[in-house]
Amino acid sequence: MELTTPTLATLFEQLGLDSDDASIDAFAEKNQLPDNVKLIDADFWTPQQARFLKEELREDAEWAPIVDELNVLLHKPAD
């Protein structure tokens, strides 16, 4: 059995999204969130995607650090 460490790219794959660097950058640029909107409450997630993200954070599962990384990416302050 091969164990892989989750990455932002593999998280995007898990969510059913394009996972190359350009696609991740474009997704982050298009979907910036205001400070008062939680990652899991963003309106662009499907119910299944939101549930996955919420569960991973709640259980502090192996994906949690990468979900946190995505949260930071989508809450970048404007330049």
N, C-alpha and C. Protein backbone atom coordinates (compact mmCIF):
# COMPACT_ATOMS: atom_id res chain seq x y z
N MET A 1 0.84 -1.17 0.00
CA MET A 1 0.00 0.00 0.00
C MET A 1 0.89 1.24 0.00
N GLU A 2 0.60 2.16 -0.91
CA GLU A 2 1.40 3.37 -1.01
C GLU A 2 0.71 4.51 -0.26
N LEU A 3 1.41 5.09 0.67
CA LEU A 3 0.88 6.22 1.42
C LEU A 3 1.47 7.50 0.87
N THR A 4 0.62 8.45 0.57
CA THR A 4 1.11 9.73 0.07
C THR A 4 0.71 10.83 1.03
N THR A 5 1.55 11.79 1.15
CA THR A 5 1.25 12.95 1.97
C THR A 5 0.35 13.88 1.18
N PRO A 6 -0.77 14.29 1.77
CA PRO A 6 -1.67 15.19 1.06
C PRO A 6 -0.98 16.51 0.71
N THR A 7 -1.32 17.01 -0.46
CA THR A 7 -0.82 18.31 -0.92
C THR A 7 -2.01 19.12 -1.40
N LEU A 8 -1.77 20.36 -1.71
CA LEU A 8 -2.84 21.20 -2.25
C LEU A 8 -3.36 20.60 -3.55
N ALA A 9 -2.46 20.08 -4.39
CA ALA A 9 -2.87 19.48 -5.65
C ALA A 9 -3.74 18.24 -5.41
N THR A 10 -3.36 17.39 -4.45
CA THR A 10 -4.17 16.21 -4.19
C THR A 10 -5.49 16.56 -3.53
N LEU A 11 -5.53 17.65 -2.77
CA LEU A 11 -6.80 18.12 -2.21
C LEU A 11 -7.73 18.55 -3.33
N PHE A 12 -7.21 19.28 -4.30
CA PHE A 12 -8.03 19.69 -5.45
C PHE A 12 -8.54 18.46 -6.20
N GLU A 13 -7.69 17.45 -6.35
CA GLU A 13 -8.13 16.20 -6.99
C GLU A 13 -9.26 15.56 -6.18
N GLN A 14 -9.09 15.52 -4.88
CA GLN A 14 -10.09 14.94 -3.98
C GLN A 14 -11.43 15.68 -4.12
N LEU A 15 -11.36 16.98 -4.35
CA LEU A 15 -12.57 17.80 -4.50
C LEU A 15 -13.13 17.76 -5.93
N GLY A 16 -12.44 17.05 -6.82
CA GLY A 16 -12.91 16.94 -8.19
C GLY A 16 -12.60 18.16 -9.03
N LEU A 17 -11.57 18.90 -8.65
CA LEU A 17 -11.18 20.12 -9.35
C LEU A 17 -9.86 19.91 -10.09
N ASP A 18 -9.62 20.73 -11.12
CA ASP A 18 -8.34 20.68 -11.81
C ASP A 18 -7.23 20.98 -10.81
N SER A 19 -6.15 20.21 -10.87
CA SER A 19 -5.16 20.28 -9.80
C SER A 19 -3.77 20.73 -10.23
N ASP A 20 -3.62 21.20 -11.48
CA ASP A 20 -2.31 21.72 -11.87
C ASP A 20 -2.13 23.11 -11.25
N ASP A 21 -0.89 23.56 -11.19
CA ASP A 21 -0.58 24.84 -10.52
C ASP A 21 -1.38 26.01 -11.10
N ALA A 22 -1.48 26.08 -12.42
CA ALA A 22 -2.20 27.19 -13.05
C ALA A 22 -3.68 27.16 -12.67
N SER A 23 -4.27 25.98 -12.61
CA SER A 23 -5.69 25.87 -12.24
C SER A 23 -5.92 26.24 -10.78
N ILE A 24 -5.01 25.83 -9.91
CA ILE A 24 -5.12 26.18 -8.49
C ILE A 24 -5.00 27.69 -8.33
N ASP A 25 -4.03 28.30 -9.00
CA ASP A 25 -3.85 29.75 -8.93
C ASP A 25 -5.09 30.48 -9.45
N ALA A 26 -5.64 30.01 -10.56
CA ALA A 26 -6.84 30.64 -11.14
C ALA A 26 -8.03 30.49 -10.21
N PHE A 27 -8.18 29.33 -9.60
CA PHE A 27 -9.28 29.10 -8.65
C PHE A 27 -9.16 30.06 -7.48
N ALA A 28 -7.95 30.18 -6.94
CA ALA A 28 -7.74 31.07 -5.79
C ALA A 28 -8.00 32.51 -6.15
N GLU A 29 -7.57 32.93 -7.32
CA GLU A 29 -7.78 34.31 -7.75
C GLU A 29 -9.27 34.60 -7.94
N LYS A 30 -9.99 33.65 -8.50
CA LYS A 30 -11.41 33.83 -8.80
C LYS A 30 -12.28 33.75 -7.54
N ASN A 31 -11.83 33.03 -6.53
CA ASN A 31 -12.69 32.72 -5.39
C ASN A 31 -12.18 33.27 -4.06
N GLN A 32 -11.61 34.47 -4.10
CA GLN A 32 -11.16 35.08 -2.85
C GLN A 32 -12.37 35.32 -1.93
N LEU A 33 -12.18 35.05 -0.65
CA LEU A 33 -13.25 35.17 0.32
C LEU A 33 -13.03 36.35 1.26
N PRO A 34 -14.11 37.04 1.62
CA PRO A 34 -13.98 38.08 2.64
C PRO A 34 -13.63 37.43 3.99
N ASP A 35 -13.05 38.20 4.87
CA ASP A 35 -12.63 37.67 6.17
C ASP A 35 -13.77 37.04 6.95
N ASN A 36 -14.99 37.55 6.76
CA ASN A 36 -16.13 37.06 7.55
C ASN A 36 -16.79 35.81 6.96
N VAL A 37 -16.27 35.26 5.87
CA VAL A 37 -16.82 34.04 5.27
C VAL A 37 -15.85 32.88 5.52
N LYS A 38 -16.35 31.87 6.20
CA LYS A 38 -15.54 30.68 6.46
C LYS A 38 -15.37 29.88 5.16
N LEU A 39 -14.25 29.22 5.06
CA LEU A 39 -13.97 28.40 3.88
C LEU A 39 -15.11 27.43 3.60
N ILE A 40 -15.59 26.75 4.61
CA ILE A 40 -16.62 25.73 4.41
C ILE A 40 -17.98 26.32 4.06
N ASP A 41 -18.15 27.63 4.27
CA ASP A 41 -19.42 28.29 3.97
C ASP A 41 -19.42 28.99 2.61
N ALA A 42 -18.32 28.91 1.89
CA ALA A 42 -18.24 29.57 0.58
C ALA A 42 -19.31 29.01 -0.35
N ASP A 43 -19.91 29.88 -1.15
CA ASP A 43 -21.04 29.45 -1.98
C ASP A 43 -20.62 28.70 -3.25
N PHE A 44 -19.33 28.60 -3.51
CA PHE A 44 -18.89 27.91 -4.73
C PHE A 44 -18.67 26.41 -4.54
N TRP A 45 -18.75 25.92 -3.31
CA TRP A 45 -18.59 24.48 -3.07
C TRP A 45 -19.90 23.75 -3.33
N THR A 46 -19.80 22.53 -3.82
CA THR A 46 -20.98 21.67 -3.86
C THR A 46 -21.23 21.22 -2.41
N PRO A 47 -22.41 20.73 -2.11
CA PRO A 47 -22.65 20.22 -0.75
C PRO A 47 -21.65 19.13 -0.36
N GLN A 48 -21.28 18.28 -1.29
CA GLN A 48 -20.33 17.20 -1.00
C GLN A 48 -18.94 17.75 -0.70
N GLN A 49 -18.51 18.74 -1.47
CA GLN A 49 -17.19 19.35 -1.23
C GLN A 49 -17.16 20.02 0.13
N ALA A 50 -18.20 20.79 0.44
CA ALA A 50 -18.27 21.49 1.73
C ALA A 50 -18.27 20.50 2.89
N ARG A 51 -19.01 19.41 2.73
CA ARG A 51 -19.07 18.39 3.78
C ARG A 51 -17.70 17.75 3.99
N PHE A 52 -16.99 17.45 2.90
CA PHE A 52 -15.66 16.87 3.01
C PHE A 52 -14.72 17.82 3.76
N LEU A 53 -14.70 19.08 3.35
CA LEU A 53 -13.81 20.06 4.00
C LEU A 53 -14.15 20.19 5.49
N LYS A 54 -15.43 20.28 5.80
CA LYS A 54 -15.86 20.43 7.19
C LYS A 54 -15.45 19.22 8.03
N GLU A 55 -15.69 18.01 7.49
CA GLU A 55 -15.33 16.80 8.21
C GLU A 55 -13.83 16.70 8.47
N GLU A 56 -13.05 17.03 7.47
CA GLU A 56 -11.60 16.96 7.62
C GLU A 56 -11.10 17.91 8.70
N LEU A 57 -11.68 19.10 8.74
CA LEU A 57 -11.29 20.06 9.77
C LEU A 57 -11.78 19.62 11.15
N ARG A 58 -13.02 19.18 11.21
CA ARG A 58 -13.62 18.79 12.49
C ARG A 58 -12.86 17.63 13.13
N GLU A 59 -12.48 16.67 12.31
CA GLU A 59 -11.79 15.49 12.82
C GLU A 59 -10.28 15.69 12.93
N ASP A 60 -9.81 16.87 12.52
CA ASP A 60 -8.37 17.15 12.49
C ASP A 60 -7.65 16.00 11.78
N ALA A 61 -8.23 15.59 10.67
CA ALA A 61 -7.73 14.46 9.89
C ALA A 61 -6.47 14.84 9.12
N GLU A 62 -5.93 13.86 8.38
CA GLU A 62 -4.68 14.10 7.66
C GLU A 62 -4.79 15.23 6.64
N TRP A 63 -5.99 15.49 6.16
CA TRP A 63 -6.19 16.57 5.18
C TRP A 63 -6.28 17.94 5.85
N ALA A 64 -6.48 18.00 7.15
CA ALA A 64 -6.73 19.27 7.85
C ALA A 64 -5.65 20.33 7.58
N PRO A 65 -4.36 20.01 7.64
CA PRO A 65 -3.36 21.05 7.37
C PRO A 65 -3.46 21.61 5.94
N ILE A 66 -3.84 20.77 4.99
CA ILE A 66 -3.95 21.22 3.60
C ILE A 66 -5.22 22.04 3.42
N VAL A 67 -6.29 21.66 4.12
CA VAL A 67 -7.52 22.47 4.10
C VAL A 67 -7.21 23.84 4.70
N ASP A 68 -6.42 23.87 5.76
CA ASP A 68 -5.99 25.16 6.34
C ASP A 68 -5.19 25.97 5.32
N GLU A 69 -4.33 25.31 4.57
CA GLU A 69 -3.54 25.99 3.54
C GLU A 69 -4.46 26.61 2.49
N LEU A 70 -5.48 25.86 2.09
CA LEU A 70 -6.46 26.37 1.12
C LEU A 70 -7.20 27.57 1.71
N ASN A 71 -7.55 27.49 2.98
CA ASN A 71 -8.23 28.60 3.65
C ASN A 71 -7.39 29.87 3.59
N VAL A 72 -6.12 29.76 3.87
CA VAL A 72 -5.22 30.91 3.82
C VAL A 72 -5.13 31.44 2.38
N LEU A 73 -5.03 30.54 1.43
CA LEU A 73 -4.93 30.93 0.03
C LEU A 73 -6.15 31.73 -0.44
N LEU A 74 -7.32 31.34 0.07
CA LEU A 74 -8.56 32.00 -0.36
C LEU A 74 -8.90 33.23 0.48
N HIS A 75 -8.12 33.49 1.51
CA HIS A 75 -8.32 34.68 2.34
C HIS A 75 -7.12 35.63 2.29
N LYS A 76 -6.41 35.61 1.17
CA LYS A 76 -5.26 36.51 1.04
C LYS A 76 -5.74 37.95 1.03
N PRO A 77 -5.04 38.82 1.74
CA PRO A 77 -5.40 40.24 1.66
C PRO A 77 -5.08 40.81 0.27
N ALA A 78 -5.84 41.77 -0.12
CA ALA A 78 -5.61 42.40 -1.43
C ALA A 78 -4.25 43.08 -1.44
N ASP A 79 -3.57 43.02 -2.57
CA ASP A 79 -2.25 43.67 -2.69
C ASP A 79 -2.37 45.17 -2.74
